[in-house]
Amino acid sequence: MSDFSIREMLTMQQALQEKYKDKWETLCPEAGKHKLLWMIGEIGEVVDIIKKNGDVQSLKDSDLRKHLVEEMADVLMYYNDVLLCYGISDEELKEAYRTKFEKNMDRW
């Protein structure tokens, strides 16, 4: 797998949501804030790994690195849930990202 697109992640996340639709909160704008809070919790887990082990050790130690990457994947999963809750498409995100990138490139 050379590229891993937002579209692929959204599709995978939709499949996951469909599988657990009877157990998990429905994806809708009202659920977006809950997904954001869960995402912040996952970001906290990423920070904890680095805070407790140091940035260099977290990358060098294969078990710590694996845990770090797994927690980053959790962050992305909740991020994709947020996109789905608010109906933000990969194309919409791509355009906004490019626009913001260009704005930042001309910033200083």
PDB file of N, CA and C in Angstrom:
ATOM      1  N   MET A   1       0.853  -1.171   0.000  1.00  0.00           N
ATOM      2  CA  MET A   1       0.000   0.000   0.000  1.00  0.00           C
ATOM      3  C   MET A   1       0.896   1.230   0.000  1.00  0.00           C
ATOM      4  N   SER A   2       1.017   1.885  -1.137  1.00  0.00           N
ATOM      5  CA  SER A   2       1.901   3.034  -1.229  1.00  0.00           C
ATOM      6  C   SER A   2       1.228   4.322  -0.745  1.00  0.00           C
ATOM      7  N   ASP A   3      -0.025   4.489  -1.020  1.00  0.00           N
ATOM      8  CA  ASP A   3      -0.779   5.660  -0.576  1.00  0.00           C
ATOM      9  C   ASP A   3      -1.958   5.193   0.277  1.00  0.00           C
ATOM     10  N   PHE A   4      -2.329   6.011   1.216  1.00  0.00           N
ATOM     11  CA  PHE A   4      -3.483   5.724   2.053  1.00  0.00           C
ATOM     12  C   PHE A   4      -4.285   7.006   2.108  1.00  0.00           C
ATOM     13  N   SER A   5      -5.345   7.059   1.351  1.00  0.00           N
ATOM     14  CA  SER A   5      -6.076   8.305   1.161  1.00  0.00           C
ATOM     15  C   SER A   5      -7.147   8.534   2.226  1.00  0.00           C
ATOM     16  N   ILE A   6      -7.535   9.777   2.336  1.00  0.00           N
ATOM     17  CA  ILE A   6      -8.658  10.139   3.208  1.00  0.00           C
ATOM     18  C   ILE A   6      -9.897   9.374   2.750  1.00  0.00           C
ATOM     19  N   ARG A   7     -10.093   9.261   1.464  1.00  0.00           N
ATOM     20  CA  ARG A   7     -11.259   8.540   0.934  1.00  0.00           C
ATOM     21  C   ARG A   7     -11.262   7.090   1.435  1.00  0.00           C
ATOM     22  N   GLU A   8     -10.100   6.437   1.388  1.00  0.00           N
ATOM     23  CA  GLU A   8     -10.005   5.053   1.895  1.00  0.00           C
ATOM     24  C   GLU A   8     -10.336   4.992   3.382  1.00  0.00           C
ATOM     25  N   MET A   9      -9.787   5.929   4.137  1.00  0.00           N
ATOM     26  CA  MET A   9     -10.058   5.943   5.569  1.00  0.00           C
ATOM     27  C   MET A   9     -11.540   6.166   5.848  1.00  0.00           C
ATOM     28  N   LEU A  10     -12.157   7.089   5.122  1.00  0.00           N
ATOM     29  CA  LEU A  10     -13.583   7.351   5.312  1.00  0.00           C
ATOM     30  C   LEU A  10     -14.418   6.121   4.974  1.00  0.00           C
ATOM     31  N   THR A  11     -14.056   5.442   3.900  1.00  0.00           N
ATOM     32  CA  THR A  11     -14.777   4.237   3.498  1.00  0.00           C
ATOM     33  C   THR A  11     -14.638   3.150   4.566  1.00  0.00           C
ATOM     34  N   MET A  12     -13.433   2.973   5.056  1.00  0.00           N
ATOM     35  CA  MET A  12     -13.205   1.988   6.113  1.00  0.00           C
ATOM     36  C   MET A  12     -13.974   2.352   7.379  1.00  0.00           C
ATOM     37  N   GLN A  13     -13.984   3.632   7.712  1.00  0.00           N
ATOM     38  CA  GLN A  13     -14.671   4.073   8.921  1.00  0.00           C
ATOM     39  C   GLN A  13     -16.178   3.896   8.781  1.00  0.00           C
ATOM     40  N   GLN A  14     -16.704   4.157   7.585  1.00  0.00           N
ATOM     41  CA  GLN A  14     -18.132   3.927   7.341  1.00  0.00           C
ATOM     42  C   GLN A  14     -18.482   2.452   7.512  1.00  0.00           C
ATOM     43  N   ALA A  15     -17.620   1.563   7.030  1.00  0.00           N
ATOM     44  CA  ALA A  15     -17.850   0.122   7.176  1.00  0.00           C
ATOM     45  C   ALA A  15     -17.845  -0.273   8.653  1.00  0.00           C
ATOM     46  N   LEU A  16     -16.921   0.290   9.404  1.00  0.00           N
ATOM     47  CA  LEU A  16     -16.841   0.015  10.833  1.00  0.00           C
ATOM     48  C   LEU A  16     -18.095   0.515  11.546  1.00  0.00           C
ATOM     49  N   GLN A  17     -18.513   1.711  11.195  1.00  0.00           N
ATOM     50  CA  GLN A  17     -19.719   2.278  11.797  1.00  0.00           C
ATOM     51  C   GLN A  17     -20.955   1.437  11.452  1.00  0.00           C
ATOM     52  N   GLU A  18     -21.018   0.984  10.225  1.00  0.00           N
ATOM     53  CA  GLU A  18     -22.150   0.151   9.799  1.00  0.00           C
ATOM     54  C   GLU A  18     -22.167  -1.154  10.592  1.00  0.00           C
ATOM     55  N   LYS A  19     -21.022  -1.763  10.774  1.00  0.00           N
ATOM     56  CA  LYS A  19     -20.938  -3.026  11.504  1.00  0.00           C
ATOM     57  C   LYS A  19     -21.433  -2.876  12.945  1.00  0.00           C
ATOM     58  N   TYR A  20     -21.140  -1.743  13.567  1.00  0.00           N
ATOM     59  CA  TYR A  20     -21.489  -1.540  14.965  1.00  0.00           C
ATOM     60  C   TYR A  20     -22.630  -0.536  15.151  1.00  0.00           C
ATOM     61  N   LYS A  21     -23.462  -0.375  14.148  1.00  0.00           N
ATOM     62  CA  LYS A  21     -24.522   0.635  14.217  1.00  0.00           C
ATOM     63  C   LYS A  21     -25.478   0.425  15.384  1.00  0.00           C
ATOM     64  N   ASP A  22     -25.651  -0.822  15.831  1.00  0.00           N
ATOM     65  CA  ASP A  22     -26.543  -1.085  16.960  1.00  0.00           C
ATOM     66  C   ASP A  22     -25.863  -0.880  18.308  1.00  0.00           C
ATOM     67  N   LYS A  23     -24.551  -0.722  18.295  1.00  0.00           N
ATOM     68  CA  LYS A  23     -23.794  -0.565  19.544  1.00  0.00           C
ATOM     69  C   LYS A  23     -23.226   0.833  19.719  1.00  0.00           C
ATOM     70  N   TRP A  24     -22.954   1.502  18.619  1.00  0.00           N
ATOM     71  CA  TRP A  24     -22.299   2.806  18.671  1.00  0.00           C
ATOM     72  C   TRP A  24     -23.285   3.924  18.371  1.00  0.00           C
ATOM     73  N   GLU A  25     -22.920   5.102  18.793  1.00  0.00           N
ATOM     74  CA  GLU A  25     -23.703   6.304  18.543  1.00  0.00           C
ATOM     75  C   GLU A  25     -23.797   6.566  17.036  1.00  0.00           C
ATOM     76  N   THR A  26     -24.977   6.946  16.584  1.00  0.00           N
ATOM     77  CA  THR A  26     -25.196   7.257  15.175  1.00  0.00           C
ATOM     78  C   THR A  26     -24.349   8.456  14.760  1.00  0.00           C
ATOM     79  N   LEU A  27     -23.782   8.379  13.566  1.00  0.00           N
ATOM     80  CA  LEU A  27     -22.994   9.501  13.049  1.00  0.00           C
ATOM     81  C   LEU A  27     -23.934  10.584  12.553  1.00  0.00           C
ATOM     82  N   CYS A  28     -23.909  11.709  13.237  1.00  0.00           N
ATOM     83  CA  CYS A  28     -24.743  12.854  12.883  1.00  0.00           C
ATOM     84  C   CYS A  28     -24.074  14.090  13.489  1.00  0.00           C
ATOM     85  N   PRO A  29     -24.489  15.276  13.071  1.00  0.00           N
ATOM     86  CA  PRO A  29     -23.837  16.481  13.615  1.00  0.00           C
ATOM     87  C   PRO A  29     -23.834  16.540  15.150  1.00  0.00           C
ATOM     88  N   GLU A  30     -24.920  16.087  15.770  1.00  0.00           N
ATOM     89  CA  GLU A  30     -24.981  16.134  17.229  1.00  0.00           C
ATOM     90  C   GLU A  30     -23.906  15.246  17.869  1.00  0.00           C
ATOM     91  N   ALA A  31     -23.536  14.181  17.188  1.00  0.00           N
ATOM     92  CA  ALA A  31     -22.509  13.264  17.722  1.00  0.00           C
ATOM     93  C   ALA A  31     -21.093  13.770  17.449  1.00  0.00           C
ATOM     94  N   GLY A  32     -20.972  14.755  16.584  1.00  0.00           N
ATOM     95  CA  GLY A  32     -19.650  15.271  16.221  1.00  0.00           C
ATOM     96  C   GLY A  32     -18.846  15.738  17.403  1.00  0.00           C
ATOM     97  N   LYS A  33     -19.485  16.450  18.322  1.00  0.00           N
ATOM     98  CA  LYS A  33     -18.736  16.951  19.490  1.00  0.00           C
ATOM     99  C   LYS A  33     -18.274  15.807  20.378  1.00  0.00           C
ATOM    100  N   HIS A  34     -19.058  14.723  20.456  1.00  0.00           N
ATOM    101  CA  HIS A  34     -18.632  13.561  21.248  1.00  0.00           C
ATOM    102  C   HIS A  34     -17.416  12.903  20.613  1.00  0.00           C
ATOM    103  N   LYS A  35     -17.442  12.786  19.294  1.00  0.00           N
ATOM    104  CA  LYS A  35     -16.310  12.188  18.583  1.00  0.00           C
ATOM    105  C   LYS A  35     -15.057  13.038  18.756  1.00  0.00           C
ATOM    106  N   LEU A  36     -15.230  14.365  18.758  1.00  0.00           N
ATOM    107  CA  LEU A  36     -14.086  15.254  18.988  1.00  0.00           C
ATOM    108  C   LEU A  36     -13.491  15.041  20.375  1.00  0.00           C
ATOM    109  N   LEU A  37     -14.344  14.876  21.371  1.00  0.00           N
ATOM    110  CA  LEU A  37     -13.854  14.636  22.728  1.00  0.00           C
ATOM    111  C   LEU A  37     -13.119  13.303  22.816  1.00  0.00           C
ATOM    112  N   TRP A  38     -13.650  12.262  22.164  1.00  0.00           N
ATOM    113  CA  TRP A  38     -12.964  10.971  22.149  1.00  0.00           C
ATOM    114  C   TRP A  38     -11.615  11.098  21.442  1.00  0.00           C
ATOM    115  N   MET A  39     -11.592  11.898  20.361  1.00  0.00           N
ATOM    116  CA  MET A  39     -10.340  12.106  19.630  1.00  0.00           C
ATOM    117  C   MET A  39      -9.308  12.801  20.526  1.00  0.00           C
ATOM    118  N   ILE A  40      -9.747  13.782  21.286  1.00  0.00           N
ATOM    119  CA  ILE A  40      -8.840  14.487  22.197  1.00  0.00           C
ATOM    120  C   ILE A  40      -8.285  13.514  23.231  1.00  0.00           C
ATOM    121  N   GLY A  41      -9.124  12.595  23.694  1.00  0.00           N
ATOM    122  CA  GLY A  41      -8.654  11.564  24.623  1.00  0.00           C
ATOM    123  C   GLY A  41      -7.559  10.709  24.009  1.00  0.00           C
ATOM    124  N   GLU A  42      -7.732  10.355  22.741  1.00  0.00           N
ATOM    125  CA  GLU A  42      -6.718   9.556  22.039  1.00  0.00           C
ATOM    126  C   GLU A  42      -5.437  10.360  21.837  1.00  0.00           C
ATOM    127  N   ILE A  43      -5.575  11.648  21.557  1.00  0.00           N
ATOM    128  CA  ILE A  43      -4.393  12.510  21.443  1.00  0.00           C
ATOM    129  C   ILE A  43      -3.650  12.525  22.777  1.00  0.00           C
ATOM    130  N   GLY A  44      -4.412  12.555  23.869  1.00  0.00           N
ATOM    131  CA  GLY A  44      -3.801  12.498  25.195  1.00  0.00           C
ATOM    132  C   GLY A  44      -3.004  11.216  25.400  1.00  0.00           C
ATOM    133  N   GLU A  45      -3.501  10.104  24.854  1.00  0.00           N
ATOM    134  CA  GLU A  45      -2.766   8.840  24.968  1.00  0.00           C
ATOM    135  C   GLU A  45      -1.452   8.903  24.187  1.00  0.00           C
ATOM    136  N   VAL A  46      -1.462   9.555  23.031  1.00  0.00           N
ATOM    137  CA  VAL A  46      -0.232   9.746  22.248  1.00  0.00           C
ATOM    138  C   VAL A  46       0.759  10.579  23.061  1.00  0.00           C
ATOM    139  N   VAL A  47       0.272  11.663  23.628  1.00  0.00           N
ATOM    140  CA  VAL A  47       1.117  12.544  24.424  1.00  0.00           C
ATOM    141  C   VAL A  47       1.694  11.800  25.628  1.00  0.00           C
ATOM    142  N   ASP A  48       0.872  10.974  26.266  1.00  0.00           N
ATOM    143  CA  ASP A  48       1.337  10.220  27.432  1.00  0.00           C
ATOM    144  C   ASP A  48       2.491   9.283  27.088  1.00  0.00           C
ATOM    145  N   ILE A  49       2.409   8.623  25.949  1.00  0.00           N
ATOM    146  CA  ILE A  49       3.494   7.718  25.544  1.00  0.00           C
ATOM    147  C   ILE A  49       4.798   8.493  25.440  1.00  0.00           C
ATOM    148  N   ILE A  50       4.737   9.642  24.779  1.00  0.00           N
ATOM    149  CA  ILE A  50       5.947  10.449  24.580  1.00  0.00           C
ATOM    150  C   ILE A  50       6.406  11.072  25.898  1.00  0.00           C
ATOM    151  N   LYS A  51       5.450  11.551  26.688  1.00  0.00           N
ATOM    152  CA  LYS A  51       5.791  12.182  27.965  1.00  0.00           C
ATOM    153  C   LYS A  51       6.447  11.187  28.920  1.00  0.00           C
ATOM    154  N   LYS A  52       5.926   9.967  28.974  1.00  0.00           N
ATOM    155  CA  LYS A  52       6.437   8.965  29.909  1.00  0.00           C
ATOM    156  C   LYS A  52       7.744   8.329  29.452  1.00  0.00           C
ATOM    157  N   ASN A  53       7.964   8.278  28.139  1.00  0.00           N
ATOM    158  CA  ASN A  53       9.119   7.546  27.612  1.00  0.00           C
ATOM    159  C   ASN A  53      10.138   8.410  26.889  1.00  0.00           C
ATOM    160  N   GLY A  54       9.789   9.652  26.650  1.00  0.00           N
ATOM    161  CA  GLY A  54      10.663  10.536  25.878  1.00  0.00           C
ATOM    162  C   GLY A  54      10.437  10.344  24.393  1.00  0.00           C
ATOM    163  N   ASP A  55      10.674  11.390  23.646  1.00  0.00           N
ATOM    164  CA  ASP A  55      10.398  11.326  22.206  1.00  0.00           C
ATOM    165  C   ASP A  55      11.328  10.368  21.479  1.00  0.00           C
ATOM    166  N   VAL A  56      12.600  10.370  21.804  1.00  0.00           N
ATOM    167  CA  VAL A  56      13.560   9.505  21.113  1.00  0.00           C
ATOM    168  C   VAL A  56      13.277   8.030  21.420  1.00  0.00           C
ATOM    169  N   GLN A  57      13.094   7.716  22.704  1.00  0.00           N
ATOM    170  CA  GLN A  57      12.842   6.327  23.090  1.00  0.00           C
ATOM    171  C   GLN A  57      11.521   5.817  22.501  1.00  0.00           C
ATOM    172  N   SER A  58      10.527   6.699  22.411  1.00  0.00           N
ATOM    173  CA  SER A  58       9.232   6.303  21.849  1.00  0.00           C
ATOM    174  C   SER A  58       9.342   5.912  20.382  1.00  0.00           C
ATOM    175  N   LEU A  59      10.355   6.426  19.713  1.00  0.00           N
ATOM    176  CA  LEU A  59      10.565   6.083  18.304  1.00  0.00           C
ATOM    177  C   LEU A  59      11.535   4.920  18.133  1.00  0.00           C
ATOM    178  N   LYS A  60      12.517   4.818  19.027  1.00  0.00           N
ATOM    179  CA  LYS A  60      13.542   3.776  18.902  1.00  0.00           C
ATOM    180  C   LYS A  60      13.059   2.401  19.354  1.00  0.00           C
ATOM    181  N   ASP A  61      12.344   2.358  20.469  1.00  0.00           N
ATOM    182  CA  ASP A  61      11.859   1.092  21.023  1.00  0.00           C
ATOM    183  C   ASP A  61      10.699   0.586  20.159  1.00  0.00           C
ATOM    184  N   SER A  62      10.853  -0.594  19.595  1.00  0.00           N
ATOM    185  CA  SER A  62       9.860  -1.086  18.633  1.00  0.00           C
ATOM    186  C   SER A  62       8.472  -1.261  19.250  1.00  0.00           C
ATOM    187  N   ASP A  63       8.386  -1.706  20.497  1.00  0.00           N
ATOM    188  CA  ASP A  63       7.077  -1.864  21.138  1.00  0.00           C
ATOM    189  C   ASP A  63       6.422  -0.514  21.408  1.00  0.00           C
ATOM    190  N   LEU A  64       7.220   0.437  21.889  1.00  0.00           N
ATOM    191  CA  LEU A  64       6.680   1.781  22.133  1.00  0.00           C
ATOM    192  C   LEU A  64       6.244   2.430  20.821  1.00  0.00           C
ATOM    193  N   ARG A  65       7.059   2.277  19.792  1.00  0.00           N
ATOM    194  CA  ARG A  65       6.721   2.854  18.489  1.00  0.00           C
ATOM    195  C   ARG A  65       5.414   2.253  17.963  1.00  0.00           C
ATOM    196  N   LYS A  66       5.282   0.953  18.089  1.00  0.00           N
ATOM    197  CA  LYS A  66       4.051   0.285  17.650  1.00  0.00           C
ATOM    198  C   LYS A  66       2.846   0.835  18.409  1.00  0.00           C
ATOM    199  N   HIS A  67       3.002   1.006  19.729  1.00  0.00           N
ATOM    200  CA  HIS A  67       1.917   1.567  20.542  1.00  0.00           C
ATOM    201  C   HIS A  67       1.604   3.008  20.126  1.00  0.00           C
ATOM    202  N   LEU A  68       2.647   3.795  19.884  1.00  0.00           N
ATOM    203  CA  LEU A  68       2.476   5.178  19.443  1.00  0.00           C
ATOM    204  C   LEU A  68       1.695   5.240  18.125  1.00  0.00           C
ATOM    205  N   VAL A  69       2.105   4.424  17.167  1.00  0.00           N
ATOM    206  CA  VAL A  69       1.435   4.414  15.857  1.00  0.00           C
ATOM    207  C   VAL A  69      -0.010   3.947  15.999  1.00  0.00           C
ATOM    208  N   GLU A  70      -0.243   2.962  16.862  1.00  0.00           N
ATOM    209  CA  GLU A  70      -1.611   2.483  17.091  1.00  0.00           C
ATOM    210  C   GLU A  70      -2.500   3.590  17.655  1.00  0.00           C
ATOM    211  N   GLU A  71      -1.968   4.335  18.598  1.00  0.00           N
ATOM    212  CA  GLU A  71      -2.744   5.443  19.175  1.00  0.00           C
ATOM    213  C   GLU A  71      -2.975   6.550  18.141  1.00  0.00           C
ATOM    214  N   MET A  72      -1.982   6.793  17.279  1.00  0.00           N
ATOM    215  CA  MET A  72      -2.177   7.766  16.195  1.00  0.00           C
ATOM    216  C   MET A  72      -3.282   7.300  15.250  1.00  0.00           C
ATOM    217  N   ALA A  73      -3.354   5.987  15.010  1.00  0.00           N
ATOM    218  CA  ALA A  73      -4.434   5.449  14.179  1.00  0.00           C
ATOM    219  C   ALA A  73      -5.783   5.683  14.853  1.00  0.00           C
ATOM    220  N   ASP A  74      -5.841   5.527  16.174  1.00  0.00           N
ATOM    221  CA  ASP A  74      -7.087   5.815  16.893  1.00  0.00           C
ATOM    222  C   ASP A  74      -7.499   7.274  16.701  1.00  0.00           C
ATOM    223  N   VAL A  75      -6.512   8.178  16.764  1.00  0.00           N
ATOM    224  CA  VAL A  75      -6.802   9.603  16.547  1.00  0.00           C
ATOM    225  C   VAL A  75      -7.422   9.791  15.161  1.00  0.00           C
ATOM    226  N   LEU A  76      -6.814   9.166  14.156  1.00  0.00           N
ATOM    227  CA  LEU A  76      -7.334   9.296  12.792  1.00  0.00           C
ATOM    228  C   LEU A  76      -8.724   8.688  12.639  1.00  0.00           C
ATOM    229  N   MET A  77      -8.985   7.604  13.347  1.00  0.00           N
ATOM    230  CA  MET A  77     -10.307   6.988  13.260  1.00  0.00           C
ATOM    231  C   MET A  77     -11.381   7.934  13.794  1.00  0.00           C
ATOM    232  N   TYR A  78     -11.109   8.545  14.933  1.00  0.00           N
ATOM    233  CA  TYR A  78     -12.073   9.514  15.461  1.00  0.00           C
ATOM    234  C   TYR A  78     -12.158  10.755  14.575  1.00  0.00           C
ATOM    235  N   TYR A  79     -11.029  11.166  14.017  1.00  0.00           N
ATOM    236  CA  TYR A  79     -11.030  12.303  13.082  1.00  0.00           C
ATOM    237  C   TYR A  79     -11.945  12.000  11.900  1.00  0.00           C
ATOM    238  N   ASN A  80     -11.845  10.799  11.372  1.00  0.00           N
ATOM    239  CA  ASN A  80     -12.697  10.419  10.261  1.00  0.00           C
ATOM    240  C   ASN A  80     -14.162  10.326  10.681  1.00  0.00           C
ATOM    241  N   ASP A  81     -14.419   9.886  11.918  1.00  0.00           N
ATOM    242  CA  ASP A  81     -15.792   9.912  12.432  1.00  0.00           C
ATOM    243  C   ASP A  81     -16.332  11.342  12.441  1.00  0.00           C
ATOM    244  N   VAL A  82     -15.493  12.283  12.853  1.00  0.00           N
ATOM    245  CA  VAL A  82     -15.923  13.687  12.876  1.00  0.00           C
ATOM    246  C   VAL A  82     -16.261  14.156  11.457  1.00  0.00           C
ATOM    247  N   LEU A  83     -15.409  13.822  10.495  1.00  0.00           N
ATOM    248  CA  LEU A  83     -15.698  14.180   9.102  1.00  0.00           C
ATOM    249  C   LEU A  83     -17.038  13.602   8.663  1.00  0.00           C
ATOM    250  N   LEU A  84     -17.280  12.350   9.018  1.00  0.00           N
ATOM    251  CA  LEU A  84     -18.538  11.700   8.652  1.00  0.00           C
ATOM    252  C   LEU A  84     -19.728  12.344   9.368  1.00  0.00           C
ATOM    253  N   CYS A  85     -19.557  12.690  10.638  1.00  0.00           N
ATOM    254  CA  CYS A  85     -20.643  13.332  11.391  1.00  0.00           C
ATOM    255  C   CYS A  85     -21.092  14.631  10.734  1.00  0.00           C
ATOM    256  N   TYR A  86     -20.131  15.374  10.217  1.00  0.00           N
ATOM    257  CA  TYR A  86     -20.445  16.674   9.630  1.00  0.00           C
ATOM    258  C   TYR A  86     -20.552  16.629   8.106  1.00  0.00           C
ATOM    259  N   GLY A  87     -20.500  15.433   7.542  1.00  0.00           N
ATOM    260  CA  GLY A  87     -20.673  15.282   6.099  1.00  0.00           C
ATOM    261  C   GLY A  87     -19.586  15.951   5.283  1.00  0.00           C
ATOM    262  N   ILE A  88     -18.379  15.965   5.782  1.00  0.00           N
ATOM    263  CA  ILE A  88     -17.258  16.593   5.074  1.00  0.00           C
ATOM    264  C   ILE A  88     -16.601  15.531   4.193  1.00  0.00           C
ATOM    265  N   SER A  89     -16.594  15.777   2.907  1.00  0.00           N
ATOM    266  CA  SER A  89     -16.051  14.802   1.954  1.00  0.00           C
ATOM    267  C   SER A  89     -14.535  14.941   1.837  1.00  0.00           C
ATOM    268  N   ASP A  90     -13.937  13.924   1.274  1.00  0.00           N
ATOM    269  CA  ASP A  90     -12.493  13.965   1.052  1.00  0.00           C
ATOM    270  C   ASP A  90     -12.124  15.093   0.103  1.00  0.00           C
ATOM    271  N   GLU A  91     -12.955  15.340  -0.896  1.00  0.00           N
ATOM    272  CA  GLU A  91     -12.685  16.420  -1.848  1.00  0.00           C
ATOM    273  C   GLU A  91     -12.791  17.789  -1.181  1.00  0.00           C
ATOM    274  N   GLU A  92     -13.774  17.954  -0.325  1.00  0.00           N
ATOM    275  CA  GLU A  92     -13.949  19.207   0.409  1.00  0.00           C
ATOM    276  C   GLU A  92     -12.746  19.462   1.319  1.00  0.00           C
ATOM    277  N   LEU A  93     -12.310  18.418   2.009  1.00  0.00           N
ATOM    278  CA  LEU A  93     -11.150  18.535   2.885  1.00  0.00           C
ATOM    279  C   LEU A  93      -9.889  18.834   2.083  1.00  0.00           C
ATOM    280  N   LYS A  94      -9.739  18.163   0.966  1.00  0.00           N
ATOM    281  CA  LYS A  94      -8.571  18.372   0.099  1.00  0.00           C
ATOM    282  C   LYS A  94      -8.485  19.830  -0.357  1.00  0.00           C
ATOM    283  N   GLU A  95      -9.612  20.377  -0.780  1.00  0.00           N
ATOM    284  CA  GLU A  95      -9.635  21.763  -1.240  1.00  0.00           C
ATOM    285  C   GLU A  95      -9.300  22.728  -0.103  1.00  0.00           C
ATOM    286  N   ALA A  96      -9.900  22.499   1.063  1.00  0.00           N
ATOM    287  CA  ALA A  96      -9.624  23.366   2.217  1.00  0.00           C
ATOM    288  C   ALA A  96      -8.161  23.250   2.643  1.00  0.00           C
ATOM    289  N   TYR A  97      -7.618  22.043   2.591  1.00  0.00           N
ATOM    290  CA  TYR A  97      -6.223  21.822   2.972  1.00  0.00           C
ATOM    291  C   TYR A  97      -5.287  22.546   2.013  1.00  0.00           C
ATOM    292  N   ARG A  98      -5.560  22.418   0.736  1.00  0.00           N
ATOM    293  CA  ARG A  98      -4.721  23.116  -0.262  1.00  0.00           C
ATOM    294  C   ARG A  98      -4.789  24.621  -0.083  1.00  0.00           C
ATOM    295  N   THR A  99      -5.984  25.137   0.123  1.00  0.00           N
ATOM    296  CA  THR A  99      -6.166  26.576   0.308  1.00  0.00           C
ATOM    297  C   THR A  99      -5.395  27.048   1.538  1.00  0.00           C
ATOM    298  N   LYS A 100      -5.506  26.308   2.631  1.00  0.00           N
ATOM    299  CA  LYS A 100      -4.804  26.669   3.859  1.00  0.00           C
ATOM    300  C   LYS A 100      -3.291  26.561   3.668  1.00  0.00           C
ATOM    301  N   PHE A 101      -2.852  25.528   2.960  1.00  0.00           N
ATOM    302  CA  PHE A 101      -1.438  25.339   2.670  1.00  0.00           C
ATOM    303  C   PHE A 101      -0.890  26.550   1.912  1.00  0.00           C
ATOM    304  N   GLU A 102      -1.591  26.951   0.864  1.00  0.00           N
ATOM    305  CA  GLU A 102      -1.149  28.089   0.062  1.00  0.00           C
ATOM    306  C   GLU A 102      -1.126  29.366   0.890  1.00  0.00           C
ATOM    307  N   LYS A 103      -2.116  29.556   1.730  1.00  0.00           N
ATOM    308  CA  LYS A 103      -2.168  30.720   2.604  1.00  0.00           C
ATOM    309  C   LYS A 103      -0.946  30.715   3.544  1.00  0.00           C
ATOM    310  N   ASN A 104      -0.641  29.550   4.124  1.00  0.00           N
ATOM    311  CA  ASN A 104       0.497  29.451   5.035  1.00  0.00           C
ATOM    312  C   ASN A 104       1.832  29.615   4.324  1.00  0.00           C
ATOM    313  N   MET A 105       1.918  29.177   3.082  1.00  0.00           N
ATOM    314  CA  MET A 105       3.152  29.325   2.304  1.00  0.00           C
ATOM    315  C   MET A 105       3.466  30.815   2.054  1.00  0.00           C
ATOM    316  N   ASP A 106       2.442  31.631   1.993  1.00  0.00           N
ATOM    317  CA  ASP A 106       2.633  33.068   1.749  1.00  0.00           C
ATOM    318  C   ASP A 106       2.588  33.899   3.028  1.00  0.00           C
ATOM    319  N   ARG A 107       2.527  33.247   4.145  1.00  0.00           N
ATOM    320  CA  ARG A 107       2.324  33.932   5.416  1.00  0.00           C
ATOM    321  C   ARG A 107       3.493  34.808   5.836  1.00  0.00           C
ATOM    322  N   TRP A 108       4.727  34.318   5.768  1.00  0.00           N
ATOM    323  CA  TRP A 108       5.877  35.111   6.223  1.00  0.00           C
ATOM    324  C   TRP A 108       6.881  35.276   5.144  1.00  0.00           C
TER     325      TRP A 108
END
